[in-house]
């Protein structure tokens, strides 16, 4: 093996290393950017959560002034939401079961 061949291999390795280093730098910049966006999103969510808590307290106070049981309304809404989620979950399970049965039937037909 001559020196020319070794130099070419070293140059090739050097080029690859430089390209990988640039990619790592780009990934690092993207990660930093994503972290900043995540921090901003976290701050926004916290701010919105605080505002939502304030609005809920305000609505409950207004409901109480009008002799409305706000807590009962919230409990009923939570129950309705849980029932809806259960129905959606059951529907998704039924679809999966139907698809599985269809696949089994087509497999049996193919044999």
Protein backbone atom coordinates (compact mmCIF):
# COMPACT_ATOMS: atom_id res chain seq x y z
CA UNK A 1 0.00 0.00 0.00
CA UNK A 2 1.49 3.30 -1.08
CA UNK A 3 1.49 6.64 0.67
CA UNK A 4 -0.88 8.05 -1.94
CA UNK A 5 -3.51 5.45 -1.11
CA UNK A 6 -3.13 6.09 2.62
CA UNK A 7 -3.41 9.84 2.08
CA UNK A 8 -6.61 9.37 0.10
CA UNK A 9 -8.09 7.22 2.86
CA UNK A 10 -7.11 9.75 5.51
CA UNK A 11 -8.58 12.58 3.43
CA UNK A 12 -11.78 10.58 2.96
CA UNK A 13 -12.03 9.95 6.70
CA UNK A 14 -11.34 13.61 7.37
CA UNK A 15 -14.10 14.68 4.97
CA UNK A 16 -16.56 12.27 6.57
CA UNK A 17 -15.63 13.45 10.06
CA UNK A 18 -16.11 17.08 9.00
CA UNK A 19 -19.52 16.30 7.48
CA UNK A 20 -20.57 14.44 10.62
CA UNK A 21 -19.36 17.33 12.80
CA UNK A 22 -21.50 19.75 10.77
CA UNK A 23 -24.51 17.45 11.17
CA UNK A 24 -23.93 17.27 14.92
CA UNK A 25 -23.77 21.07 15.09
CA UNK A 26 -27.04 21.34 13.15
CA UNK A 27 -28.70 18.81 15.44
CA UNK A 28 -27.42 20.70 18.47
CA UNK A 29 -28.95 23.93 17.15
CA UNK A 30 -32.25 22.18 16.48
CA UNK A 31 -32.30 20.67 19.97
CA UNK A 32 -31.62 24.05 21.55
CA UNK A 33 -34.38 25.59 19.46
CA UNK A 34 -36.80 22.82 20.47
CA UNK A 35 -35.89 23.27 24.13
CA UNK A 36 -36.62 26.99 23.88
CA UNK A 37 -39.96 26.30 22.17
CA UNK A 38 -40.78 23.72 24.83
CA UNK A 39 -40.02 26.23 27.60
CA UNK A 40 -42.22 28.83 25.90
CA UNK A 41 -45.02 26.28 25.51
CA UNK A 42 -44.67 25.26 29.15
CA UNK A 43 -44.94 28.88 30.26
CA UNK A 44 -47.99 29.39 28.06
CA UNK A 45 -49.70 26.27 29.42
CA UNK A 46 -49.01 27.34 33.00
CA UNK A 47 -50.41 30.80 32.28
CA UNK A 48 -53.52 29.34 30.65
CA UNK A 49 -53.98 26.88 33.51
CA UNK A 50 -53.87 29.76 35.99
CA UNK A 51 -56.38 31.73 33.95
CA UNK A 52 -58.65 28.70 33.68
CA UNK A 53 -58.54 28.25 37.45
CA UNK A 54 -59.48 31.89 37.93
CA UNK A 55 -62.34 31.60 35.41
CA UNK A 56 -63.65 28.44 37.07
CA UNK A 57 -63.66 30.16 40.47
CA UNK A 58 -65.46 33.13 38.96
CA UNK A 59 -68.08 30.96 37.25
CA UNK A 60 -68.68 28.98 40.43
CA UNK A 61 -69.15 32.22 42.35
CA UNK A 62 -71.63 33.48 39.75
CA UNK A 63 -73.46 30.13 39.82
CA UNK A 64 -73.68 30.31 43.60
CA UNK A 65 -75.16 33.82 43.41
CA UNK A 66 -77.90 32.41 41.16
CA UNK A 67 -78.51 29.38 43.41
CA UNK A 68 -77.01 26.99 40.87
CA UNK A 69 -74.93 24.05 42.06
CA UNK A 70 -71.84 24.59 39.94
CA UNK A 71 -70.00 21.62 41.41
CA UNK A 72 -72.87 19.31 40.46
CA UNK A 73 -72.82 20.66 36.91
CA UNK A 74 -69.08 19.99 36.72
CA UNK A 75 -69.56 16.48 38.13
CA UNK A 76 -72.29 15.74 35.58
CA UNK A 77 -70.08 17.03 32.78
CA UNK A 78 -67.20 14.81 33.96
CA UNK A 79 -69.51 11.79 33.99
CA UNK A 80 -70.78 12.59 30.49
CA UNK A 81 -67.22 12.97 29.24
CA UNK A 82 -66.15 9.65 30.81
CA UNK A 83 -69.13 7.88 29.24
CA UNK A 84 -68.33 9.39 25.84
CA UNK A 85 -64.69 8.29 26.11
CA UNK A 86 -65.82 4.78 27.09
CA UNK A 87 -68.12 4.63 24.07
CA UNK A 88 -65.31 5.81 21.77
CA UNK A 89 -62.96 3.26 23.28
CA UNK A 90 -65.54 0.50 22.79
CA UNK A 91 -66.05 1.60 19.18
CA UNK A 92 -62.31 1.54 18.55
CA UNK A 93 -62.07 -1.93 20.09
CA UNK A 94 -64.97 -3.13 17.94
CA UNK A 95 -63.28 -1.75 14.80
CA UNK A 96 -60.02 -3.48 15.70
CA UNK A 97 -61.88 -6.73 16.33
CA UNK A 98 -63.73 -6.38 13.01
CA UNK A 99 -60.48 -5.71 11.15
CA UNK A 100 -58.87 -8.70 12.83
CA UNK A 101 -61.80 -10.91 11.87
CA UNK A 102 -61.65 -9.61 8.28
CA UNK A 103 -57.93 -10.38 8.13
CA UNK A 104 -58.48 -13.86 9.53
CA UNK A 105 -61.27 -14.51 7.01
CA UNK A 106 -59.15 -13.32 4.09
CA UNK A 107 -56.22 -15.43 5.30
CA UNK A 108 -58.46 -18.50 5.48
CA UNK A 109 -59.82 -17.78 2.00
CA UNK A 110 -56.29 -17.41 0.59
CA UNK A 111 -55.29 -20.81 1.90
